[in-house]
């Protein structure tokens, strides 16, 4: 199976030229030459000269800096410019539109430019789209046709209404087919336990409801605290706004939040203080210092680790009970809960009791499998009423990688944890998510982690791989859609339906590396519609 590729179409849509009576029209070749020269200037990043090609109205608003930032955004998304493939014209003399087909590292781009008779570019706007479109080879006949032959012989444009940051995911999981059955129901609440949330993000406002807050922690509105929860909630219920952003997988459901917040994070605070004292340090120097600081403050960090685990596990138990009592039918926990990490038996028992309470009330809990790339069966709860979600790639292979950290002697191996408790897989490669939507969230002079500064890149982001954190809300979305179709089903039924609806991607049948397979939304909802409540997996 080919992996999804990023495709960006730059549409320069222009106003209608006012034709001066008696003025001589530019020839077709002159317009073609002007269009190719404009594309060359962009490729050479000579934005000052490119702006000089604009008409007076456009030149007043489209500065070289604006054009530079726009071009950099495109190159970041689809790779470096490689070459022009051809140019064609449309429209009558005096209203010529040139289409310059350009090849980039990962996609092709049509640069559509309309000129007046002075060969000036008129007003335009830019729009981008990301989809599951594989660039053809440079000599592919479809590209040659697009560059030179009539409109009737060109490949059709992609329907803008069917594209967003989640395009590859929507296609692979057959989500649009599933949406013909249901897009969810406001009566189905998905509880999300995570750090914090951007309740006023334009794509989430009104879709995520403030719920409970872990006691004993700080609930600050800054990126480190609220980004992860915002991303996870958006995978479930985000509302795409026009041509921008992404759509959640259960967009007509709602999320009820349980905010973890944060205690004083000793390790991150120590690192932050060191960076402030050494502002010119290289990444390698910072990496070596990290190890040195950890050795010097070992006892303090050991205590912090124990406090952090205690805070997380006790808070999770409280949050599960709260969400169950307040109507959640599905609970998403994208963190990592394992018995071996828990310092106290009574603390773990309290968590197990909370899982048992959810099962008794027919609430499904979805956990991320973990990112250590190791075998484990160390999770809370029972397999018949909960789901352990592993992470796969868009080519249906299990997610594994190596993380290189400056100063560390060897890379850290990461990957989707596996074992007999693993239930299903979900693809988390090139995940579109909502990010905290305002620049004020990205800079904090002081807080539980010390000084925190991140770069604001916009209210949406594409994560190279969301790991098992993102696998969990994909599966939680599917569980919510099943309950939207069949609200009468119990937790055991929903788990069995999701397992039965998977596409097998590993060894035939169940295996410990890919579970029952990768989730398939359409297949699962079709099974749910006709599922007999007491029936076990028909396979």
Protein backbone atom coordinates (compact mmCIF):
# COMPACT_ATOMS: atom_id res chain seq x y z
CA UNK A 1 0.00 0.00 0.00
CA UNK A 2 1.33 3.43 -0.88
CA UNK A 3 1.55 5.94 1.95
CA UNK A 4 -0.43 9.17 1.76
CA UNK A 5 1.43 12.15 0.41
CA UNK A 6 0.97 15.78 1.14
CA UNK A 7 -0.39 17.78 -1.77
CA UNK A 8 -0.73 21.53 -1.79
CA UNK A 9 -2.55 23.34 -4.54
CA UNK A 10 -1.77 27.03 -4.76
CA UNK A 11 -4.70 28.80 -6.34
CA UNK A 12 -4.06 32.39 -7.26
CA UNK A 13 -7.63 33.50 -7.94
CA UNK A 14 -7.82 36.89 -9.48
CA UNK A 15 -10.31 39.63 -10.16
CA UNK A 16 -11.67 40.49 -13.56
CA UNK A 17 -9.46 42.84 -15.54
CA UNK A 18 -10.87 46.10 -16.80
CA UNK A 19 -10.13 46.13 -20.54
CA UNK A 20 -9.17 49.52 -21.83
CA UNK A 21 -10.97 50.23 -25.10
CA UNK A 22 -8.66 50.19 -28.06
CA UNK A 23 -5.72 48.75 -26.07
CA UNK A 24 -3.61 46.12 -27.83
CA UNK A 25 -3.82 42.69 -26.17
CA UNK A 26 -0.66 40.92 -25.05
CA UNK A 27 0.10 37.86 -27.11
CA UNK A 28 -0.29 34.35 -25.73
CA UNK A 29 3.46 33.84 -25.75
CA UNK A 30 4.04 37.07 -23.82
CA UNK A 31 1.59 35.97 -21.12
CA UNK A 32 3.19 32.51 -20.92
CA UNK A 33 6.62 34.08 -20.60
CA UNK A 34 5.42 36.47 -17.85
CA UNK A 35 3.89 33.59 -15.90
CA UNK A 36 7.03 31.46 -16.14
CA UNK A 37 9.19 34.40 -15.10
CA UNK A 38 6.95 35.00 -12.06
CA UNK A 39 7.25 31.33 -11.05
CA UNK A 40 11.05 31.56 -11.48
CA UNK A 41 11.19 34.56 -9.15
CA UNK A 42 9.29 32.62 -6.48
CA UNK A 43 11.58 29.62 -6.91
CA UNK A 44 14.64 31.89 -6.57
CA UNK A 45 12.96 33.56 -3.57
CA UNK A 46 13.37 36.97 -5.15
CA UNK A 47 10.16 38.24 -3.58
CA UNK A 48 10.92 41.93 -4.05
CA UNK A 49 11.16 41.46 -7.82
CA UNK A 50 8.07 39.22 -7.79
CA UNK A 51 6.00 41.93 -6.11
CA UNK A 52 6.95 44.34 -8.89
CA UNK A 53 4.93 42.13 -11.28
CA UNK A 54 1.71 42.89 -9.40
CA UNK A 55 -0.81 45.52 -10.35
CA UNK A 56 -0.95 48.66 -8.22
CA UNK A 57 -3.91 47.52 -6.08
CA UNK A 58 -2.30 44.21 -5.21
CA UNK A 59 1.14 45.70 -4.66
CA UNK A 60 -0.29 47.87 -1.91
CA UNK A 61 -1.27 44.85 0.22
CA UNK A 62 0.99 42.01 -0.92
CA UNK A 63 4.42 43.01 0.34
CA UNK A 64 7.62 41.07 -0.21
CA UNK A 65 7.54 39.94 3.43
CA UNK A 66 4.00 38.55 3.12
CA UNK A 67 4.90 36.75 -0.10
CA UNK A 68 8.07 35.35 1.52
CA UNK A 69 6.17 33.96 4.52
CA UNK A 70 3.55 32.39 2.27
CA UNK A 71 6.18 30.70 0.09
CA UNK A 72 8.09 29.39 3.11
CA UNK A 73 4.89 27.84 4.42
CA UNK A 74 4.33 26.04 1.13
CA UNK A 75 7.91 24.75 0.93
CA UNK A 76 7.73 23.53 4.51
CA UNK A 77 4.61 21.53 3.64
CA UNK A 78 5.58 19.98 0.30
CA UNK A 79 9.36 20.22 0.14
CA UNK A 80 11.77 22.16 -2.02
CA UNK A 81 10.92 23.49 -5.49
CA UNK A 82 12.45 21.30 -8.20
CA UNK A 83 11.34 22.53 -11.63
CA UNK A 84 8.59 23.85 -13.89
CA UNK A 85 6.80 21.22 -15.96
CA UNK A 86 4.83 23.38 -18.35
CA UNK A 87 2.45 26.28 -18.82
CA UNK A 88 -0.94 26.59 -20.49
CA UNK A 89 -3.40 29.43 -21.05
CA UNK A 90 -7.13 29.81 -20.63
CA UNK A 91 -9.49 32.69 -21.30
CA UNK A 92 -9.90 35.21 -24.09
CA UNK A 93 -7.37 37.95 -24.91
CA UNK A 94 -7.40 40.62 -22.22
CA UNK A 95 -8.43 38.12 -19.55
CA UNK A 96 -5.71 35.53 -19.92
CA UNK A 97 -5.11 33.04 -17.10
CA UNK A 98 -1.83 31.14 -17.06
CA UNK A 99 -1.38 27.81 -15.28
CA UNK A 100 2.25 27.00 -14.46
CA UNK A 101 2.60 23.39 -13.29
CA UNK A 102 5.55 23.08 -10.89
CA UNK A 103 7.17 20.01 -9.37
CA UNK A 104 8.10 20.10 -5.70
CA UNK A 105 9.84 17.46 -3.60
CA UNK A 106 6.59 15.81 -2.47
CA UNK A 107 3.85 17.15 -4.73
CA UNK A 108 2.92 19.16 -7.79
CA UNK A 109 1.54 22.68 -7.68
CA UNK A 110 -0.50 24.66 -10.18
CA UNK A 111 0.34 28.34 -10.10
CA UNK A 112 -2.72 30.01 -11.59
CA UNK A 113 -2.14 33.64 -12.60
CA UNK A 114 -4.45 36.07 -14.36
CA UNK A 115 -2.98 39.09 -16.09
CA UNK A 116 -4.27 42.37 -17.42
CA UNK A 117 -3.07 43.76 -20.76
CA UNK A 118 -0.03 45.30 -19.10
CA UNK A 119 1.03 41.82 -18.00
CA UNK A 120 0.37 42.84 -14.39
CA UNK A 121 -0.96 40.30 -11.88
CA UNK A 122 -4.32 41.28 -10.40
CA UNK A 123 -5.75 40.57 -6.92
CA UNK A 124 -5.43 37.02 -5.60
CA UNK A 125 -5.75 34.80 -2.54
CA UNK A 126 -3.91 31.64 -1.50
CA UNK A 127 -5.46 28.41 -0.25
CA UNK A 128 -3.84 25.10 0.71
CA UNK A 129 -5.12 21.59 1.02
CA UNK A 130 -3.64 18.34 2.30
CA UNK A 131 -4.79 14.99 1.01
CA UNK A 132 -4.02 11.39 0.23
CA UNK A 133 -2.63 12.24 -3.20
CA UNK A 134 0.53 10.58 -4.43
CA UNK A 135 2.66 12.72 -6.76
CA UNK A 136 3.04 11.11 -10.18
CA UNK A 137 6.42 10.56 -11.78
CA UNK A 138 7.83 13.56 -13.60
CA UNK A 139 7.10 12.04 -17.00
CA UNK A 140 3.57 10.86 -16.06
CA UNK A 141 1.09 11.50 -18.85
CA UNK A 142 -1.42 13.15 -16.50
CA UNK A 143 1.16 15.82 -15.65
CA UNK A 144 2.00 16.33 -19.30
CA UNK A 145 -1.69 16.75 -20.07
CA UNK A 146 -2.16 19.18 -17.20
CA UNK A 147 0.74 21.22 -18.48
CA UNK A 148 -0.35 21.49 -22.08
CA UNK A 149 -3.59 19.95 -23.32
CA UNK A 150 -7.16 21.28 -23.20
CA UNK A 151 -9.17 21.38 -20.01
CA UNK A 152 -11.31 18.41 -21.01
CA UNK A 153 -8.20 16.22 -21.11
CA UNK A 154 -6.84 17.19 -17.70
CA UNK A 155 -7.32 15.32 -14.44
CA UNK A 156 -10.18 16.88 -12.44
CA UNK A 157 -9.44 19.15 -9.51
CA UNK A 158 -9.96 17.73 -6.04
CA UNK A 159 -13.30 18.70 -4.44
CA UNK A 160 -12.35 21.20 -1.73
CA UNK A 161 -15.27 20.10 0.47
CA UNK A 162 -13.67 16.66 0.76
CA UNK A 163 -10.21 17.71 1.93
CA UNK A 164 -8.78 18.62 5.31
CA UNK A 165 -5.75 17.90 7.47
CA UNK A 166 -7.17 14.45 8.25
CA UNK A 167 -7.62 13.43 4.61
CA UNK A 168 -5.31 10.40 4.68
CA UNK A 169 -6.88 9.17 7.90
CA UNK A 170 -10.43 9.65 6.63
CA UNK A 171 -9.67 7.62 3.52
CA UNK A 172 -7.80 4.75 5.14
CA UNK A 173 -10.35 4.23 7.91
CA UNK A 174 -13.38 4.63 5.57
CA UNK A 175 -14.65 7.44 7.77
CA UNK A 176 -16.72 9.28 5.14
CA UNK A 177 -18.51 6.05 4.32
CA UNK A 178 -19.19 5.64 8.04
CA UNK A 179 -20.49 9.21 8.26
CA UNK A 180 -23.26 8.26 5.84
CA UNK A 181 -24.55 6.15 8.72
CA UNK A 182 -23.82 8.61 11.54
CA UNK A 183 -21.53 11.51 12.42
CA UNK A 184 -22.30 10.97 16.07
CA UNK A 185 -24.88 12.26 18.53
CA UNK A 186 -24.79 15.04 21.12
CA UNK A 187 -26.31 12.50 23.50
CA UNK A 188 -23.06 10.52 23.40
CA UNK A 189 -20.48 12.15 25.67
CA UNK A 190 -16.82 11.20 25.37
CA UNK A 191 -14.84 11.84 28.52
CA UNK A 192 -11.26 12.96 27.85
CA UNK A 193 -8.71 12.88 30.65
CA UNK A 194 -5.71 15.01 29.73
CA UNK A 195 -3.47 17.88 30.80
CA UNK A 196 -5.64 20.83 29.82
CA UNK A 197 -7.80 22.18 27.02
CA UNK A 198 -8.30 25.23 24.81
CA UNK A 199 -12.05 25.60 25.33
CA UNK A 200 -12.29 28.64 23.05
CA UNK A 201 -10.45 27.26 20.05
CA UNK A 202 -12.67 28.17 17.04
CA UNK A 203 -12.91 24.52 15.97
CA UNK A 204 -13.72 23.29 19.51
CA UNK A 205 -15.83 26.02 21.07
CA UNK A 206 -19.10 24.51 22.24
CA UNK A 207 -17.88 20.96 21.53
CA UNK A 208 -15.75 20.44 24.64
CA UNK A 209 -17.41 20.96 28.01
CA UNK A 210 -15.41 21.86 31.15
CA UNK A 211 -15.68 19.08 33.68
CA UNK A 212 -13.47 18.22 36.64
CA UNK A 213 -9.94 19.26 37.58
CA UNK A 214 -7.38 17.14 39.40
CA UNK A 215 -6.97 18.37 42.96
CA UNK A 216 -3.57 19.49 44.20
CA UNK A 217 -2.23 20.64 40.83
CA UNK A 218 -1.83 23.85 38.84
CA UNK A 219 -4.26 24.40 35.97
CA UNK A 220 -2.50 27.14 34.03
CA UNK A 221 -3.34 28.21 30.50
CA UNK A 222 0.00 27.76 28.80
CA UNK A 223 1.13 25.54 25.97
CA UNK A 224 2.92 22.82 27.94
CA UNK A 225 -0.19 22.25 30.05
CA UNK A 226 -3.00 22.54 27.52
CA UNK A 227 -1.60 21.51 24.12
CA UNK A 228 -1.87 17.73 24.44
CA UNK A 229 -5.46 17.72 25.67
CA UNK A 230 -6.49 20.17 22.97
CA UNK A 231 -4.96 17.93 20.31
CA UNK A 232 -6.62 14.77 21.65
CA UNK A 233 -10.07 16.37 21.95
CA UNK A 234 -9.78 17.77 18.42
CA UNK A 235 -9.26 14.29 16.96
CA UNK A 236 -12.71 13.43 18.32
CA UNK A 237 -14.93 16.51 17.86
CA UNK A 238 -13.18 19.31 15.92
CA UNK A 239 -15.35 21.24 13.46
CA UNK A 240 -13.65 22.19 10.19
CA UNK A 241 -13.98 25.90 9.42
CA UNK A 242 -14.19 26.61 5.70
CA UNK A 243 -11.06 25.53 3.86
CA UNK A 244 -8.90 25.55 7.00
CA UNK A 245 -8.21 22.93 9.60
CA UNK A 246 -9.44 19.44 10.28
CA UNK A 247 -12.55 17.50 11.21
CA UNK A 248 -12.93 15.31 14.27
CA UNK A 249 -13.87 11.70 13.68
CA UNK A 250 -17.08 11.88 15.74
CA UNK A 251 -17.91 15.52 15.00
CA UNK A 252 -21.51 15.51 16.21
CA UNK A 253 -20.62 14.08 19.63
CA UNK A 254 -19.36 16.18 22.54
CA UNK A 255 -16.39 15.90 24.89
CA UNK A 256 -16.57 16.24 28.66
CA UNK A 257 -13.14 17.09 30.03
CA UNK A 258 -11.15 16.02 33.06
CA UNK A 259 -8.13 18.33 33.35
CA UNK A 260 -5.02 16.86 34.94
CA UNK A 261 -3.10 20.09 35.31
CA UNK A 262 0.44 19.77 36.61
CA UNK A 263 2.39 19.69 39.85
CA UNK A 264 5.78 21.38 40.17
CA UNK A 265 7.77 19.54 37.51
CA UNK A 266 11.22 19.29 39.07
CA UNK A 267 13.01 17.90 36.02
CA UNK A 268 11.65 20.43 33.52
CA UNK A 269 12.17 23.30 35.96
CA UNK A 270 15.82 22.34 36.46
CA UNK A 271 16.31 22.16 32.70
CA UNK A 272 14.57 25.50 32.22
CA UNK A 273 16.76 27.17 34.86
CA UNK A 274 19.92 25.79 33.22
CA UNK A 275 18.90 27.09 29.79
CA UNK A 276 18.23 30.57 31.24
CA UNK A 277 21.70 30.58 32.77
CA UNK A 278 23.31 29.38 29.51
CA UNK A 279 21.38 31.13 26.70
CA UNK A 280 24.07 30.48 24.08
CA UNK A 281 24.49 26.76 24.73
CA UNK A 282 24.32 24.38 21.78
CA UNK A 283 21.80 21.49 21.79
CA UNK A 284 24.66 19.05 22.42
CA UNK A 285 25.86 21.08 25.43
CA UNK A 286 22.34 21.26 26.76
CA UNK A 287 21.98 17.49 26.36
CA UNK A 288 25.15 16.79 28.31
CA UNK A 289 24.11 19.28 30.98
CA UNK A 290 20.75 17.51 31.27
CA UNK A 291 22.47 14.32 32.31
CA UNK A 292 24.73 16.16 34.72
CA UNK A 293 21.82 18.02 36.33
CA UNK A 294 19.88 14.78 36.72
CA UNK A 295 22.82 13.17 38.53
CA UNK A 296 23.29 16.16 40.85
CA UNK A 297 19.60 16.26 41.79
CA UNK A 298 18.94 12.54 41.77
CA UNK A 299 17.11 12.35 45.12
CA UNK A 300 14.93 15.33 44.26
CA UNK A 301 14.03 13.83 40.90
CA UNK A 302 13.26 10.41 42.38
CA UNK A 303 10.83 12.05 44.81
CA UNK A 304 9.28 14.05 41.97
CA UNK A 305 8.79 10.87 39.94
CA UNK A 306 6.97 9.18 42.81
CA UNK A 307 4.83 12.27 43.46
CA UNK A 308 4.00 12.57 39.76
CA UNK A 309 2.86 8.95 39.43
CA UNK A 310 0.84 9.24 42.64
CA UNK A 311 -0.79 12.44 41.38
CA UNK A 312 -1.62 10.90 38.00
CA UNK A 313 -3.05 7.63 39.29
CA UNK A 314 -5.13 9.10 42.11
CA UNK A 315 -6.36 11.82 39.78
CA UNK A 316 -7.30 9.30 37.08
CA UNK A 317 -9.37 7.30 39.56
CA UNK A 318 -11.26 10.44 40.62
CA UNK A 319 -11.72 11.57 37.00
CA UNK A 320 -13.12 8.21 35.86
CA UNK A 321 -15.75 8.24 38.59
CA UNK A 322 -16.64 11.85 37.80
CA UNK A 323 -17.01 11.20 34.07
CA UNK A 324 -19.11 8.08 34.63
CA UNK A 325 -21.38 9.91 37.06
CA UNK A 326 -21.83 12.77 34.62
CA UNK A 327 -22.94 10.76 31.61
CA UNK A 328 -19.82 9.82 29.65
CA UNK A 329 -20.31 6.64 27.60
CA UNK A 330 -16.67 6.47 26.49
CA UNK A 331 -13.57 7.62 28.40
CA UNK A 332 -10.31 8.41 26.59
CA UNK A 333 -7.01 8.32 28.47
CA UNK A 334 -4.04 9.00 26.22
CA UNK A 335 -1.49 8.69 29.00
CA UNK A 336 0.24 5.62 30.33
CA UNK A 337 -1.15 3.67 33.31
CA UNK A 338 0.80 0.59 34.40
CA UNK A 339 0.89 -1.38 37.62
CA UNK A 340 4.70 -1.56 37.69
CA UNK A 341 4.97 2.24 37.81
CA UNK A 342 2.61 2.57 40.77
CA UNK A 343 4.48 2.96 44.11
CA UNK A 344 1.59 1.88 46.36
CA UNK A 345 -0.73 -1.13 46.27
CA UNK A 346 -3.66 0.80 47.77
CA UNK A 347 -3.31 3.48 45.09
CA UNK A 348 -3.47 0.89 42.33
CA UNK A 349 -6.47 -0.79 43.94
CA UNK A 350 -8.30 2.54 43.93
CA UNK A 351 -7.64 2.85 40.20
CA UNK A 352 -8.79 -0.72 39.55
CA UNK A 353 -11.96 0.00 41.52
CA UNK A 354 -12.61 3.04 39.30
CA UNK A 355 -12.20 0.90 36.17
CA UNK A 356 -14.56 -1.70 37.64
CA UNK A 357 -17.11 1.04 38.40
CA UNK A 358 -16.96 2.21 34.77
CA UNK A 359 -17.44 -1.35 33.52
CA UNK A 360 -20.42 -1.84 35.85
CA UNK A 361 -22.00 1.29 34.35
CA UNK A 362 -21.28 0.11 30.78
CA UNK A 363 -18.69 2.81 30.08
CA UNK A 364 -15.86 1.88 27.71
CA UNK A 365 -12.36 3.08 28.62
CA UNK A 366 -9.76 3.47 25.85
CA UNK A 367 -6.07 3.62 26.81
CA UNK A 368 -3.04 4.34 24.69
CA UNK A 369 -0.82 1.24 24.62
CA UNK A 370 2.35 3.19 25.48
CA UNK A 371 5.35 4.31 23.43
CA UNK A 372 8.21 2.25 24.85
CA UNK A 373 8.26 -0.30 22.04
CA UNK A 374 8.15 -3.12 24.58
CA UNK A 375 5.91 -6.02 25.50
CA UNK A 376 3.58 -5.42 28.42
CA UNK A 377 0.27 -6.65 29.84
CA UNK A 378 0.55 -4.33 32.84
CA UNK A 379 -2.63 -2.27 32.32
CA UNK A 380 -5.55 -1.72 34.70
CA UNK A 381 -9.10 -2.89 34.02
CA UNK A 382 -10.42 -5.97 32.22
CA UNK A 383 -10.13 -6.64 28.50
CA UNK A 384 -13.84 -7.22 27.90
CA UNK A 385 -14.90 -3.64 28.69
CA UNK A 386 -11.87 -1.59 27.66
CA UNK A 387 -9.60 -1.15 24.67
CA UNK A 388 -5.82 -0.83 24.48
CA UNK A 389 -5.01 1.16 21.34
CA UNK A 390 -1.70 0.72 19.54
CA UNK A 391 -0.23 3.02 16.90
CA UNK A 392 0.34 2.09 13.26
CA UNK A 393 1.53 3.94 10.17
CA UNK A 394 -0.50 4.81 7.08
CA UNK A 395 0.98 1.77 5.31
CA UNK A 396 -0.45 -0.47 8.08
CA UNK A 397 2.90 -1.25 9.69
CA UNK A 398 3.37 -0.96 13.44
CA UNK A 399 4.84 2.39 14.51
CA UNK A 400 8.49 2.17 15.64
CA UNK A 401 11.20 4.83 15.62
CA UNK A 402 14.38 6.04 17.30
CA UNK A 403 14.62 9.34 19.15
CA UNK A 404 18.00 11.05 19.01
CA UNK A 405 18.58 13.41 21.95
CA UNK A 406 21.65 15.69 21.95
CA UNK A 407 24.07 14.63 24.66
CA UNK A 408 22.70 11.09 24.90
CA UNK A 409 25.21 8.35 23.98
CA UNK A 410 22.69 6.38 21.89
CA UNK A 411 19.21 6.90 20.40
CA UNK A 412 16.16 6.04 22.47
CA UNK A 413 14.04 3.37 20.84
CA UNK A 414 10.35 4.14 20.74
CA UNK A 415 7.37 2.33 19.32
CA UNK A 416 3.90 1.09 20.01
CA UNK A 417 3.88 -1.25 23.01
CA UNK A 418 2.53 -4.73 22.34
CA UNK A 419 1.40 -7.83 24.16
CA UNK A 420 -1.61 -10.00 24.94
CA UNK A 421 -3.64 -7.03 26.23
CA UNK A 422 -3.30 -5.07 22.96
CA UNK A 423 -6.73 -4.73 21.36
CA UNK A 424 -6.56 -2.78 18.09
CA UNK A 425 -4.36 -0.44 16.04
CA UNK A 426 -5.02 3.04 14.65
CA UNK A 427 -2.83 5.03 12.21
CA UNK A 428 -1.23 8.10 13.78
CA UNK A 429 1.14 9.20 11.01
CA UNK A 430 0.73 12.79 9.75
CA UNK A 431 -2.02 13.55 12.24
CA UNK A 432 -3.91 16.79 11.80
CA UNK A 433 -4.78 18.37 15.15
CA UNK A 434 -5.89 21.62 16.73
CA UNK A 435 -3.21 23.49 18.65
CA UNK A 436 -3.81 26.24 21.26
CA UNK A 437 -5.19 29.00 19.09
CA UNK A 438 -3.61 32.22 20.43
CA UNK A 439 0.00 33.36 20.74
CA UNK A 440 -0.45 34.25 24.41
CA UNK A 441 -0.49 30.55 25.32
CA UNK A 442 3.03 30.00 24.02
CA UNK A 443 5.10 32.12 26.39
CA UNK A 444 5.24 31.84 30.17
CA UNK A 445 7.85 33.56 32.36
CA UNK A 446 7.26 31.15 35.21
CA UNK A 447 5.07 28.21 36.11
CA UNK A 448 5.18 24.58 37.25
CA UNK A 449 7.83 23.82 34.61
CA UNK A 450 9.70 27.11 35.01
CA UNK A 451 10.01 29.46 32.06
CA UNK A 452 8.28 28.06 29.00
CA UNK A 453 8.48 29.43 25.48
CA UNK A 454 7.24 27.80 22.30
CA UNK A 455 6.79 29.10 18.77
CA UNK A 456 3.23 29.87 17.70
CA UNK A 457 2.74 28.34 14.24
CA UNK A 458 -1.02 28.70 13.99
CA UNK A 459 -4.11 27.13 15.47
CA UNK A 460 -3.67 23.84 13.54
CA UNK A 461 -0.72 21.49 13.29
CA UNK A 462 0.25 18.27 11.56
CA UNK A 463 2.15 15.88 13.80
CA UNK A 464 4.66 13.60 12.02
CA UNK A 465 3.41 10.82 14.28
CA UNK A 466 0.98 11.13 17.15
CA UNK A 467 2.07 7.80 18.70
CA UNK A 468 -0.32 5.86 20.92
CA UNK A 469 -1.60 9.08 22.49
CA UNK A 470 -3.38 9.81 19.21
CA UNK A 471 -4.40 6.19 18.60
CA UNK A 472 -6.62 6.31 21.69
CA UNK A 473 -8.92 9.18 20.57
CA UNK A 474 -9.29 7.60 17.11
CA UNK A 475 -10.65 4.48 18.76
CA UNK A 476 -12.68 6.51 21.28
CA UNK A 477 -14.29 8.30 18.33
CA UNK A 478 -15.23 4.98 16.79
CA UNK A 479 -16.75 3.75 20.07
CA UNK A 480 -18.78 6.97 20.26
CA UNK A 481 -20.10 6.46 16.71
CA UNK A 482 -21.09 2.88 17.54
CA UNK A 483 -23.06 4.13 20.54
CA UNK A 484 -24.63 6.85 18.39
CA UNK A 485 -26.00 4.12 16.10
CA UNK A 486 -26.83 1.71 18.92
CA UNK A 487 -27.20 3.51 22.27
CA UNK A 488 -28.70 0.32 23.70
CA UNK A 489 -25.42 -1.60 23.51
CA UNK A 490 -23.31 -2.38 26.55
CA UNK A 491 -19.58 -1.89 26.91
CA UNK A 492 -18.77 -5.53 26.13
CA UNK A 493 -20.82 -5.35 22.92
CA UNK A 494 -19.04 -2.21 21.75
CA UNK A 495 -15.60 -3.71 22.39
CA UNK A 496 -16.52 -6.89 20.49
CA UNK A 497 -17.95 -4.93 17.54
CA UNK A 498 -14.82 -2.79 17.23
CA UNK A 499 -12.61 -5.88 17.29
CA UNK A 500 -14.78 -7.64 14.71
CA UNK A 501 -14.76 -4.57 12.43
CA UNK A 502 -10.97 -4.35 12.14
CA UNK A 503 -8.91 -4.98 9.00
CA UNK A 504 -6.26 -7.59 9.72
CA UNK A 505 -2.80 -6.06 9.16
CA UNK A 506 -0.48 -8.55 10.86
CA UNK A 507 -0.39 -12.30 11.16
CA UNK A 508 -3.70 -13.89 10.26
CA UNK A 509 -6.11 -13.49 13.15
CA UNK A 510 -5.10 -11.98 16.47
CA UNK A 511 -1.41 -11.33 17.17
CA UNK A 512 0.35 -9.52 19.98
CA UNK A 513 1.91 -6.88 17.69
CA UNK A 514 -1.20 -5.59 15.92
CA UNK A 515 -4.02 -7.00 18.05
CA UNK A 516 -7.23 -7.65 16.13
CA UNK A 517 -6.05 -5.30 13.40
CA UNK A 518 -6.48 -1.70 12.32
CA UNK A 519 -9.88 -0.11 12.94
CA UNK A 520 -12.27 0.32 10.00
CA UNK A 521 -15.05 2.83 10.74
CA UNK A 522 -17.47 1.89 7.96
CA UNK A 523 -17.21 -1.86 8.52
CA UNK A 524 -17.65 -1.41 12.27
CA UNK A 525 -20.78 0.74 12.02
CA UNK A 526 -22.38 -1.68 9.58
CA UNK A 527 -21.78 -4.46 12.08
CA UNK A 528 -23.16 -2.34 14.91
CA UNK A 529 -26.42 -1.63 13.11
CA UNK A 530 -27.34 -5.33 13.07
CA UNK A 531 -25.55 -6.54 16.21
CA UNK A 532 -27.47 -8.78 18.60
CA UNK A 533 -26.82 -7.41 22.05
CA UNK A 534 -25.85 -10.71 23.67
CA UNK A 535 -23.97 -12.06 20.67
CA UNK A 536 -20.21 -12.63 20.87
CA UNK A 537 -17.75 -11.93 18.08
CA UNK A 538 -19.20 -13.80 15.06
CA UNK A 539 -15.72 -14.55 13.79
